Amino acid sequence: MMKTRRSRSRRTERARTPVNIAPPATGTPGGVYKPLKDADVQNIHAAALEVLSTVGIKEPTDTVRDLALEAGCIQDETGRLLFPTSLVEDVIAGAARDFVLHGQTPEHDIEVRDGHVHFATGGAAVKMLDSHTRQYRPSTLSDLYDLARLCETLPNIQWFARPVVATDIEDWRELDLNTIYAIARGTRKHLGSSIVLDSHVPEIIEMLDMMVGEEGAFRKRPFLSVHATTIVSPLTFAEDSSNVATAAARAGMPILSQTGPQAGATSPAALAGSLVQTVAESLGALVAINLVKRGHPVIASGWPFVADLRTGSFTGGNGEQALLAAGQAQMMRFYKLPTGVPAGMADAKVPDNQAGYEKALTTAMAAMSGPDFVYESIGMLGSLLGCSLEAALIDHEMLTSVRRVMRGIEVTPDNLSVDVIAEAARGAGHYLAAGQTLALMETEYIYPELADRDSPDSWKEKGSRDIWDRANLRVREIMATTFPDHISDSADAAVRARFPIHLPESAIDPATSQWAHDLDAAS
């Protein structure tokens, strides 16, 4: 059966996307949108350093405390760790820049470079909008694998970070192992996931080495980054996550260092004050990791969130969220630090008009502000509690337009088109058949696959399908045909013999996958 899966997957794996949208490994240049004036940046910078040196961060782990005190930090009478400005500036100056985040295969390597934007998934949703019932249900390990397979076909997504939690696995060790197995099995791209305990890190690396088929392979090409919330807001070290970050740094695993203050709840309601705290926490986490291992690859990410002040609940699809993400990106670009921000976190429960405007607003503003990564950029619904394969596919098409906007308008002597205008004005009276028009069709313009551009009558004749219907059919096609085969049968068998893997073999075999039967029924 495994041979059937392997040969059939080579024939059927495909990605039906326009040829002109694949982003380069260096990403798409950004940074044209700046919500902060230069003086504002300096003031936020000064305030963040003041917070670190006078307020500090409480509850450091023993490792971080000892290293910090040795480096010149002070612990006040309440136990808070105070960071001198000179140490923070020294760490910023020596932080890793311009490095590579490896894919499982070299064609998916990501070049982290200042001002070049990449898009990633992310999140910890606990519900899935089911493709068959269109109702929410708890997310599972199979959903995680399916999301990875979907993103394998989506060229705008360059980093697959776990979007949902496998709620069907309760044991923490088994959750970590199975989460990373499922995403590594489903896509060849760079991977990201949180890890619950530092004791799981060596086993995870052992498993990844086995999947590659070579001991020490992961350290040579570390294709998994750990998502480590080393500081929880306001200004408190998280013991378990800090220990995971320490273990990851020592093992050579890249770190997405993130903190998530929520304006009005766990950070000031004033947006400027929320940015001050976010920057302080981002820099504090960066210092802590660099004390463990100087110059370690870290994506220094502050994820400033927003609370609906009427209820205190999280809200992700609003103008304030767009401003905070863009402002945080601008601040990290000021330091020239690799960074990422969240966007696309719609409060809408289904991929409807509300989801569309919330996602487009937050994602476009975040991307144009120039972070290295925009996380949670596709698929997220319900204020980060839900995820959807169909929403991910629709959002991916949106990212194509976002990246087109980021490219801007190219002005060259040829593109000014004076001769073309003269020829059309004196001749045919239109440009449809002009040589320039034909030459630019596939480079200047993009064409949607899911968004509808038919006339109302033509749309009705074709069945009056909305974008969910079109995305649902395409999801079924991808799920029935895409089974990445970069992990050999023998390596997979070895992993299953060594670790408690819960994803059934039938799920990774096109001959027995339920999706193939579903596609036949839908067609």
Protein backbone atom coordinates (compact mmCIF):
# COMPACT_ATOMS: atom_id res chain seq x y z
CA MET A 1 0.00 0.00 0.00
CA MET A 2 2.83 2.39 0.78
CA LYS A 3 4.25 1.95 -2.73
CA THR A 4 0.85 2.84 -4.14
CA ARG A 5 0.81 6.00 -2.07
CA ARG A 6 4.29 7.00 -3.18
CA SER A 7 3.83 6.49 -6.93
CA ARG A 8 0.35 7.94 -7.04
CA SER A 9 1.33 11.03 -5.05
CA ARG A 10 4.02 11.88 -7.62
CA ARG A 11 1.42 11.80 -10.38
CA THR A 12 -1.24 13.78 -8.56
CA GLU A 13 0.55 16.44 -6.49
CA ARG A 14 -0.07 19.83 -8.07
CA ALA A 15 -0.68 23.50 -7.38
CA ARG A 16 -2.97 25.35 -9.78
CA THR A 17 -1.75 28.89 -9.31
CA PRO A 18 -0.72 31.65 -11.72
CA VAL A 19 2.93 31.55 -12.71
CA ASN A 20 3.55 35.18 -11.84
CA ILE A 21 2.75 35.06 -8.11
CA ALA A 22 5.48 32.86 -6.65
CA PRO A 23 7.49 35.05 -4.22
CA PRO A 24 11.29 34.93 -4.26
CA ALA A 25 13.16 33.42 -1.33
CA THR A 26 14.02 36.97 -0.28
CA GLY A 27 10.35 37.93 -0.01
CA THR A 28 8.54 41.00 -1.31
CA PRO A 29 9.98 44.45 -0.43
CA GLY A 30 7.87 46.42 2.02
CA GLY A 31 8.17 49.37 4.35
CA VAL A 32 6.32 52.10 2.47
CA TYR A 33 3.64 52.45 5.15
CA LYS A 34 4.83 54.15 8.35
CA PRO A 35 2.18 55.00 10.96
CA LEU A 36 4.82 56.59 13.19
CA LYS A 37 6.75 59.79 12.55
CA ASP A 38 10.51 59.70 13.05
CA ALA A 39 10.17 61.60 16.32
CA ASP A 40 7.51 59.13 17.48
CA VAL A 41 9.88 56.22 16.85
CA GLN A 42 12.59 57.88 18.95
CA ASN A 43 10.16 58.60 21.78
CA ILE A 44 8.83 55.02 21.85
CA HIS A 45 12.40 53.70 21.75
CA ALA A 46 13.44 55.88 24.71
CA ALA A 47 10.33 54.95 26.70
CA ALA A 48 10.84 51.22 26.08
CA LEU A 49 14.45 51.42 27.31
CA GLU A 50 13.25 53.31 30.38
CA VAL A 51 10.69 50.60 31.12
CA LEU A 52 13.35 47.89 30.84
CA SER A 53 15.82 49.72 33.07
CA THR A 54 13.42 50.98 35.75
CA VAL A 55 10.41 48.64 35.74
CA GLY A 56 12.08 45.50 34.41
CA ILE A 57 10.64 42.01 34.02
CA LYS A 58 9.63 39.76 36.88
CA GLU A 59 10.01 36.04 37.53
CA PRO A 60 13.08 35.21 35.43
CA THR A 61 14.12 31.58 35.30
CA ASP A 62 17.24 30.65 37.24
CA THR A 63 19.21 30.37 33.99
CA VAL A 64 18.13 33.78 32.70
CA ARG A 65 18.61 35.43 36.10
CA ASP A 66 22.14 34.12 36.56
CA LEU A 67 23.23 35.03 33.03
CA ALA A 68 21.60 38.45 33.27
CA LEU A 69 23.20 39.34 36.58
CA GLU A 70 26.56 38.27 35.22
CA ALA A 71 25.99 40.54 32.19
CA GLY A 72 25.23 43.59 34.34
CA CYS A 73 21.51 43.42 35.06
CA ILE A 74 20.19 44.30 38.51
CA GLN A 75 17.52 42.47 40.50
CA ASP A 76 15.50 44.91 42.60
CA GLU A 77 14.06 44.27 46.05
CA THR A 78 10.90 42.71 44.57
CA GLY A 79 12.88 40.31 42.37
CA ARG A 80 12.29 42.15 39.09
CA LEU A 81 15.18 41.98 36.62
CA LEU A 82 16.27 45.45 35.44
CA PHE A 83 18.07 45.70 32.11
CA PRO A 84 20.66 48.50 31.69
CA THR A 85 20.36 50.37 28.43
CA SER A 86 23.96 49.61 27.51
CA LEU A 87 23.27 45.84 27.63
CA VAL A 88 20.11 46.14 25.54
CA GLU A 89 21.91 48.22 22.93
CA ASP A 90 24.83 45.79 22.88
CA VAL A 91 22.49 42.84 22.26
CA ILE A 92 20.64 44.71 19.51
CA ALA A 93 23.94 45.49 17.80
CA GLY A 94 25.07 41.85 17.92
CA ALA A 95 21.73 40.19 17.12
CA ALA A 96 21.50 37.81 14.16
CA ARG A 97 20.51 39.41 10.89
CA ASP A 98 20.33 38.26 7.26
CA PHE A 99 20.15 34.54 7.93
CA VAL A 100 18.41 31.60 6.24
CA LEU A 101 15.43 29.72 7.61
CA HIS A 102 15.65 26.33 5.98
CA GLY A 103 12.87 24.43 4.32
CA GLN A 104 12.84 20.66 4.45
CA THR A 105 14.02 20.89 0.86
CA PRO A 106 16.36 23.67 -0.36
CA GLU A 107 13.87 25.22 -2.79
CA HIS A 108 11.82 26.28 0.25
CA ASP A 109 14.65 28.10 2.05
CA ILE A 110 13.75 31.59 3.24
CA GLU A 111 16.28 34.43 3.19
CA VAL A 112 15.56 36.69 6.15
CA ARG A 113 16.52 40.13 4.95
CA ASP A 114 15.59 43.58 6.29
CA GLY A 115 12.46 45.01 4.69
CA HIS A 116 11.58 41.91 2.67
CA VAL A 117 8.21 40.49 3.64
CA HIS A 118 7.18 36.83 3.77
CA PHE A 119 3.80 35.40 4.70
CA ALA A 120 3.22 32.64 7.21
CA THR A 121 0.42 30.82 8.92
CA GLY A 122 0.15 30.66 12.70
CA GLY A 123 -2.20 30.57 15.63
CA ALA A 124 -3.60 28.10 18.11
CA ALA A 125 -7.23 27.76 17.05
CA VAL A 126 -9.20 25.06 18.83
CA LYS A 127 -12.06 24.90 16.34
CA MET A 128 -12.31 24.02 12.66
CA LEU A 129 -15.02 25.21 10.27
CA ASP A 130 -15.76 21.83 8.74
CA SER A 131 -15.58 21.61 4.95
CA HIS A 132 -18.47 19.15 4.79
CA THR A 133 -20.96 20.44 7.36
CA ARG A 134 -19.94 24.13 7.41
CA GLN A 135 -20.25 23.96 11.19
CA TYR A 136 -17.58 24.43 13.84
CA ARG A 137 -16.12 21.40 15.63
CA PRO A 138 -12.97 20.80 17.71
CA SER A 139 -9.76 20.85 15.66
CA THR A 140 -7.83 17.59 15.30
CA LEU A 141 -4.44 16.24 14.31
CA SER A 142 -5.87 15.34 10.89
CA ASP A 143 -6.91 18.98 10.42
CA LEU A 144 -3.34 20.05 11.11
CA TYR A 145 -2.01 17.62 8.52
CA ASP A 146 -4.63 18.76 5.98
CA LEU A 147 -3.76 22.43 6.54
CA ALA A 148 -0.10 21.63 5.95
CA ARG A 149 -0.95 19.80 2.72
CA LEU A 150 -3.06 22.72 1.56
CA CYS A 151 -0.24 25.19 2.23
CA GLU A 152 2.16 22.94 0.34
CA THR A 153 0.28 24.10 -2.79
CA LEU A 154 0.14 27.81 -1.86
CA PRO A 155 3.23 29.70 -3.06
CA ASN A 156 2.50 32.89 -1.09
CA ILE A 157 2.88 30.95 2.18
CA GLN A 158 6.56 30.39 2.81
CA TRP A 159 6.51 29.38 6.47
CA PHE A 160 3.98 26.86 7.75
CA ALA A 161 3.43 27.56 11.43
CA ARG A 162 0.87 25.45 13.26
CA PRO A 163 -2.55 27.16 12.86
CA VAL A 164 -4.67 24.81 15.01
CA VAL A 165 -4.25 22.69 18.12
CA ALA A 166 -4.78 18.94 17.91
CA THR A 167 -7.40 18.89 20.65
CA ASP A 168 -7.79 15.11 20.25
CA ILE A 169 -4.39 14.56 21.96
CA GLU A 170 -4.21 15.31 25.69
CA ASP A 171 -0.70 14.18 26.70
CA TRP A 172 1.72 17.09 26.27
CA ARG A 173 4.65 15.01 25.03
CA GLU A 174 2.50 13.21 22.50
CA LEU A 175 0.91 16.52 21.47
CA ASP A 176 4.31 18.07 20.69
CA LEU A 177 5.61 15.03 18.82
CA ASN A 178 2.43 14.55 16.80
CA THR A 179 2.00 18.24 16.00
CA ILE A 180 5.48 18.44 14.51
CA TYR A 181 5.18 15.06 12.80
CA ALA A 182 1.93 16.12 11.11
CA ILE A 183 3.22 19.44 9.80
CA ALA A 184 6.54 17.95 8.68
CA ARG A 185 4.65 15.17 6.94
CA GLY A 186 2.29 17.59 5.20
CA THR A 187 4.65 20.18 3.69
CA ARG A 188 8.28 20.65 2.70
CA LYS A 189 8.32 24.30 3.78
CA HIS A 190 9.91 25.83 6.88
CA LEU A 191 7.92 24.81 9.94
CA GLY A 192 6.94 26.46 13.18
CA SER A 193 5.27 25.31 16.37
CA SER A 194 5.25 25.94 20.06
CA ILE A 195 6.75 23.26 22.31
CA VAL A 196 5.22 22.70 25.73
CA LEU A 197 8.28 21.62 27.74
CA ASP A 198 12.03 21.91 27.24
CA SER A 199 12.42 18.17 27.88
CA HIS A 200 10.61 17.53 24.57
CA VAL A 201 13.18 19.38 22.45
CA PRO A 202 15.77 16.56 22.18
CA GLU A 203 13.11 14.01 21.22
CA ILE A 204 11.67 16.33 18.59
CA ILE A 205 15.09 16.81 17.02
CA GLU A 206 15.68 13.05 17.12
CA MET A 207 12.36 12.51 15.33
CA LEU A 208 13.15 15.12 12.68
CA ASP A 209 16.58 13.55 12.09
CA MET A 210 14.83 10.22 11.58
CA MET A 211 12.37 11.75 9.13
CA VAL A 212 15.28 13.10 7.09
CA GLY A 213 17.10 9.79 7.43
CA GLU A 214 20.38 11.13 8.81
CA GLU A 215 21.58 11.67 12.35
CA GLY A 216 22.50 15.31 12.88
CA ALA A 217 20.59 16.43 9.77
CA PHE A 218 18.45 18.91 11.68
CA ARG A 219 21.40 20.79 13.14
CA LYS A 220 22.85 21.14 9.64
CA ARG A 221 19.57 22.46 8.23
CA PRO A 222 17.24 23.43 11.10
CA PHE A 223 13.87 23.53 9.32
CA LEU A 224 11.70 23.96 12.42
CA SER A 225 11.47 27.17 14.46
CA VAL A 226 10.06 27.08 17.96
CA HIS A 227 7.40 29.67 18.83
CA ALA A 228 8.39 30.80 22.30
CA THR A 229 6.31 33.26 24.30
CA THR A 230 9.12 33.84 26.75
CA ILE A 231 7.42 36.90 28.22
CA VAL A 232 3.72 37.15 29.06
CA SER A 233 2.19 40.55 29.48
CA PRO A 234 2.63 42.65 31.41
CA LEU A 235 6.41 42.15 31.73
CA THR A 236 6.60 38.66 33.24
CA PHE A 237 8.86 35.80 32.20
CA ALA A 238 7.01 32.57 31.35
CA GLU A 239 8.96 29.74 32.97
CA ASP A 240 8.11 26.85 30.64
CA SER A 241 8.46 28.87 27.44
CA SER A 242 11.70 30.48 28.63
CA ASN A 243 13.12 27.04 29.34
CA VAL A 244 12.03 25.85 25.88
CA ALA A 245 13.75 28.85 24.28
CA THR A 246 16.93 28.10 26.24
CA ALA A 247 16.89 24.46 25.12
CA ALA A 248 16.14 25.46 21.52
CA ALA A 249 19.00 27.97 21.39
CA ARG A 250 21.47 25.42 22.71
CA ALA A 251 20.21 22.84 20.18
CA GLY A 252 20.54 25.23 17.22
CA MET A 253 16.80 25.61 16.63
CA PRO A 254 15.69 29.06 15.37
CA ILE A 255 13.32 30.93 17.68
CA LEU A 256 10.25 32.98 16.94
CA SER A 257 10.23 35.03 20.12
CA GLN A 258 6.78 36.50 20.62
CA THR A 259 4.87 38.44 23.19
CA GLY A 260 1.17 39.25 22.97
CA PRO A 261 0.07 42.27 25.02
CA GLN A 262 -3.57 43.20 24.54
CA ALA A 263 -4.26 46.94 24.44
CA GLY A 264 -6.69 47.86 27.20
CA ALA A 265 -6.31 44.52 28.97
CA THR A 266 -2.66 43.49 29.45
CA SER A 267 -1.08 46.65 28.00
CA PRO A 268 -2.11 50.31 28.08
CA ALA A 269 -5.23 51.35 26.20
CA ALA A 270 -3.21 54.17 24.66
CA LEU A 271 -1.88 52.72 21.42
CA ALA A 272 1.47 54.46 21.87
CA GLY A 273 1.77 53.05 25.39
CA SER A 274 0.87 49.58 24.14
CA LEU A 275 3.70 49.87 21.60
CA VAL A 276 6.12 50.95 24.32
CA GLN A 277 5.32 47.84 26.34
CA THR A 278 5.42 45.58 23.26
CA VAL A 279 8.83 46.91 22.25
CA ALA A 280 10.15 46.57 25.80
CA GLU A 281 8.94 42.97 26.01
CA SER A 282 10.30 42.14 22.54
CA LEU A 283 13.73 43.51 23.42
CA GLY A 284 13.71 41.89 26.85
CA ALA A 285 13.03 38.49 25.30
CA LEU A 286 15.76 39.08 22.70
CA VAL A 287 18.27 39.91 25.42
CA ALA A 288 17.35 36.82 27.44
CA ILE A 289 17.84 34.49 24.46
CA ASN A 290 21.10 36.15 23.44
CA LEU A 291 22.45 35.76 26.96
CA VAL A 292 22.03 32.02 26.46
CA LYS A 293 23.59 32.07 22.98
CA ARG A 294 24.89 35.27 21.42
CA GLY A 295 23.85 35.86 17.82
CA HIS A 296 21.33 33.01 17.76
CA PRO A 297 18.73 33.29 14.94
CA VAL A 298 15.73 35.00 16.56
CA ILE A 299 12.66 36.53 14.96
CA ALA A 300 12.07 39.25 17.57
CA SER A 301 8.32 39.50 17.27
CA GLY A 302 5.96 41.58 19.35
CA TRP A 303 2.36 40.76 18.60
CA PRO A 304 0.38 43.70 19.99
CA PHE A 305 -3.28 42.72 20.18
CA VAL A 306 -6.46 44.65 20.93
CA ALA A 307 -9.27 44.20 23.45
CA ASP A 308 -12.83 45.26 22.74
CA LEU A 309 -13.11 47.65 25.65
CA ARG A 310 -16.85 47.06 25.92
CA THR A 311 -16.33 43.41 26.83
CA GLY A 312 -12.60 42.89 27.41
CA SER A 313 -12.54 40.14 24.78
CA PHE A 314 -9.93 39.75 22.05
CA THR A 315 -10.66 41.35 18.68
CA GLY A 316 -8.41 40.91 15.66
CA GLY A 317 -10.06 42.55 12.66
CA ASN A 318 -10.04 46.27 13.35
CA GLY A 319 -8.19 49.44 12.48
CA GLU A 320 -6.46 49.62 15.85
CA GLN A 321 -5.03 46.13 15.30
CA ALA A 322 -3.78 47.19 11.87
CA LEU A 323 -2.11 50.28 13.34
CA LEU A 324 -0.44 48.40 16.20
CA ALA A 325 0.96 45.67 13.96
CA ALA A 326 2.30 48.22 11.49
CA GLY A 327 3.72 50.34 14.31
CA GLN A 328 5.49 47.36 15.86
CA ALA A 329 6.95 46.43 12.48
CA GLN A 330 8.21 49.98 12.04
CA MET A 331 9.85 49.91 15.46
CA MET A 332 11.65 46.64 14.79
CA ARG A 333 12.81 47.96 11.41
CA PHE A 334 14.24 50.93 13.31
CA TYR A 335 16.42 48.40 15.17
CA LYS A 336 17.00 46.43 11.93
CA LEU A 337 15.92 43.31 13.79
CA PRO A 338 14.22 40.37 12.07
CA THR A 339 10.60 40.53 13.14
CA GLY A 340 7.08 39.37 12.46
CA VAL A 341 3.61 40.68 13.25
CA PRO A 342 0.12 39.14 13.17
CA ALA A 343 -2.62 40.04 10.71
CA GLY A 344 -5.66 38.47 9.08
CA MET A 345 -7.23 37.53 12.42
CA ALA A 346 -10.84 38.11 11.44
CA ASP A 347 -13.54 38.27 14.08
CA ALA A 348 -15.99 36.99 11.45
CA LYS A 349 -17.03 33.36 11.88
CA VAL A 350 -17.28 32.51 8.16
CA PRO A 351 -15.46 33.79 5.04
CA ASP A 352 -18.00 36.56 4.36
CA ASN A 353 -17.89 40.31 3.70
CA GLN A 354 -16.86 41.00 7.28
CA ALA A 355 -13.98 38.57 7.05
CA GLY A 356 -12.94 40.09 3.73
CA TYR A 357 -12.64 43.66 4.94
CA GLU A 358 -11.07 42.71 8.27
CA LYS A 359 -8.43 40.54 6.65
CA ALA A 360 -7.64 42.90 3.76
CA LEU A 361 -7.28 45.91 6.09
CA THR A 362 -5.01 44.28 8.65
CA THR A 363 -2.95 42.19 6.25
CA ALA A 364 -2.27 44.93 3.71
CA MET A 365 -1.23 47.47 6.35
CA ALA A 366 0.96 44.96 8.17
CA ALA A 367 2.68 43.81 4.98
CA MET A 368 3.27 47.30 3.66
CA SER A 369 4.93 48.32 6.94
CA GLY A 370 7.77 45.92 6.12
CA PRO A 371 8.08 43.17 8.75
CA ASP A 372 10.05 40.10 7.77
CA PHE A 373 6.98 37.94 8.38
CA VAL A 374 3.23 38.40 8.54
CA TYR A 375 1.82 35.57 10.64
CA GLU A 376 -1.70 34.15 10.84
CA SER A 377 -2.15 35.60 7.36
CA ILE A 378 -4.55 32.97 6.07
CA GLY A 379 -7.39 30.83 7.33
CA MET A 380 -8.08 32.32 10.76
CA LEU A 381 -11.64 33.14 11.83
CA GLY A 382 -13.61 33.75 15.03
CA SER A 383 -11.03 35.99 16.70
CA LEU A 384 -8.33 33.28 16.39
CA LEU A 385 -10.55 30.57 17.85
CA GLY A 386 -11.42 29.06 14.46
CA CYS A 387 -9.73 28.05 11.23
CA SER A 388 -10.97 27.02 7.79
CA LEU A 389 -9.40 25.37 4.76
CA GLU A 390 -11.71 27.38 2.51
CA ALA A 391 -10.84 30.64 4.26
CA ALA A 392 -7.14 29.81 3.89
CA LEU A 393 -7.55 29.34 0.15
CA ILE A 394 -9.53 32.58 -0.25
CA ASP A 395 -7.03 34.50 1.88
CA HIS A 396 -4.16 33.16 -0.18
CA GLU A 397 -5.74 34.74 -3.24
CA MET A 398 -6.01 37.99 -1.29
CA LEU A 399 -2.27 37.79 -0.53
CA THR A 400 -1.56 37.74 -4.26
CA SER A 401 -3.28 41.11 -4.53
CA VAL A 402 -1.55 42.40 -1.40
CA ARG A 403 1.83 41.49 -2.84
CA ARG A 404 0.86 43.17 -6.12
CA VAL A 405 0.08 46.38 -4.24
CA MET A 406 3.41 46.11 -2.42
CA ARG A 407 5.21 46.00 -5.77
CA GLY A 408 3.83 49.44 -6.58
CA ILE A 409 3.86 51.08 -9.99
CA GLU A 410 7.00 50.74 -12.04
CA VAL A 411 7.82 53.96 -13.91
CA THR A 412 10.27 53.58 -16.80
CA PRO A 413 10.59 55.39 -20.15
CA ASP A 414 8.84 52.44 -21.82
CA ASN A 415 6.08 52.24 -19.22
CA LEU A 416 5.28 55.93 -19.58
CA SER A 417 3.81 54.73 -22.89
CA VAL A 418 3.85 57.97 -24.87
CA ASP A 419 4.34 56.14 -28.19
CA VAL A 420 1.71 53.55 -27.30
CA ILE A 421 -0.80 56.29 -26.49
CA ALA A 422 -0.06 58.05 -29.78
CA GLU A 423 -0.48 54.87 -31.80
CA ALA A 424 -3.82 53.98 -30.21
CA ALA A 425 -5.18 57.51 -30.34
CA ARG A 426 -4.36 57.80 -34.05
CA GLY A 427 -5.38 54.27 -34.94
CA ALA A 428 -7.56 51.59 -33.34
CA GLY A 429 -8.80 53.77 -30.48
CA HIS A 430 -8.12 51.05 -27.89
CA TYR A 431 -5.21 49.10 -26.41
CA LEU A 432 -6.59 45.54 -26.29
CA ALA A 433 -4.46 44.31 -29.18
CA ALA A 434 -1.44 46.50 -28.54
CA GLY A 435 1.90 44.72 -28.25
CA GLN A 436 2.51 46.32 -24.86
CA THR A 437 -0.80 44.99 -23.55
CA LEU A 438 0.01 41.45 -24.59
CA ALA A 439 3.55 41.70 -23.21
CA LEU A 440 2.37 42.89 -19.78
CA MET A 441 -0.61 40.57 -19.30
CA GLU A 442 1.22 38.11 -17.06
CA THR A 443 3.56 40.51 -15.25
CA GLU A 444 1.65 43.74 -14.61
CA TYR A 445 -1.68 42.08 -13.83
CA ILE A 446 -2.92 39.19 -11.71
CA TYR A 447 -6.00 37.08 -12.26
CA PRO A 448 -8.09 35.49 -9.50
CA GLU A 449 -9.06 31.85 -9.49
CA LEU A 450 -11.75 32.04 -6.81
CA ALA A 451 -13.02 35.62 -6.98
CA ASP A 452 -15.77 35.95 -9.60
CA ARG A 453 -15.61 38.48 -12.44
CA ASP A 454 -18.51 37.19 -14.56
CA SER A 455 -21.58 39.25 -15.33
CA PRO A 456 -24.60 38.53 -13.09
CA ASP A 457 -26.29 36.60 -15.94
CA SER A 458 -23.23 34.50 -16.66
CA TRP A 459 -22.73 33.84 -12.94
CA LYS A 460 -26.33 32.64 -12.68
CA GLU A 461 -25.94 30.35 -15.70
CA LYS A 462 -22.92 28.72 -14.04
CA GLY A 463 -24.87 27.83 -10.91
CA SER A 464 -24.79 31.03 -8.81
CA ARG A 465 -21.93 29.71 -6.70
CA ASP A 466 -20.45 32.00 -4.07
CA ILE A 467 -16.77 32.10 -3.13
CA TRP A 468 -17.22 29.47 -0.38
CA ASP A 469 -18.63 27.03 -2.94
CA ARG A 470 -15.75 27.61 -5.32
CA ALA A 471 -13.15 27.38 -2.55
CA ASN A 472 -14.76 24.24 -1.14
CA LEU A 473 -14.54 22.43 -4.46
CA ARG A 474 -10.92 23.48 -4.90
CA VAL A 475 -10.10 22.36 -1.33
CA ARG A 476 -11.55 18.94 -2.07
CA GLU A 477 -9.43 18.70 -5.23
CA ILE A 478 -6.24 19.60 -3.36
CA MET A 479 -6.97 17.31 -0.43
CA ALA A 480 -7.69 14.37 -2.74
CA THR A 481 -4.53 14.79 -4.81
CA THR A 482 -1.76 16.37 -2.71
CA PHE A 483 0.29 13.92 -0.64
CA PRO A 484 3.89 15.19 -0.30
CA ASP A 485 6.37 12.30 -0.50
CA HIS A 486 9.59 13.90 0.74
CA ILE A 487 9.72 11.50 3.70
CA SER A 488 10.62 7.97 2.66
CA ASP A 489 8.57 4.91 3.60
CA SER A 490 11.44 3.51 5.65
CA ALA A 491 11.95 6.78 7.56
CA ASP A 492 8.23 7.04 8.27
CA ALA A 493 8.14 3.47 9.51
CA ALA A 494 11.12 4.08 11.80
CA VAL A 495 9.48 7.15 13.30
CA ARG A 496 6.24 5.25 13.89
CA ALA A 497 8.16 2.44 15.58
CA ARG A 498 10.04 4.87 17.86
CA PHE A 499 7.34 7.43 18.73
CA PRO A 500 3.60 7.33 19.55
CA ILE A 501 2.32 8.74 16.24
CA HIS A 502 -1.47 9.16 16.14
CA LEU A 503 -1.96 10.21 12.51
CA PRO A 504 -3.17 6.99 10.82
CA GLU A 505 -1.32 5.72 7.76
CA SER A 506 -4.62 5.73 5.90
CA ALA A 507 -4.67 9.55 6.15
CA ILE A 508 -1.38 9.88 4.25
CA ASP A 509 -2.25 7.31 1.57
CA PRO A 510 -4.22 8.62 -1.44
CA ALA A 511 -5.63 5.14 -1.98
CA THR A 512 -7.42 5.21 1.38
CA SER A 513 -7.87 8.93 2.05
CA GLN A 514 -11.46 9.89 2.72
CA TRP A 515 -10.96 13.09 0.73
CA ALA A 516 -10.75 11.19 -2.57
CA HIS A 517 -14.15 9.64 -1.93
CA ASP A 518 -15.54 13.02 -0.91
CA LEU A 519 -14.31 14.61 -4.14
CA ASP A 520 -16.03 11.95 -6.22
CA ALA A 521 -19.26 12.58 -4.32
CA ALA A 522 -18.99 16.37 -4.67
CA SER A 523 -18.32 16.12 -8.41
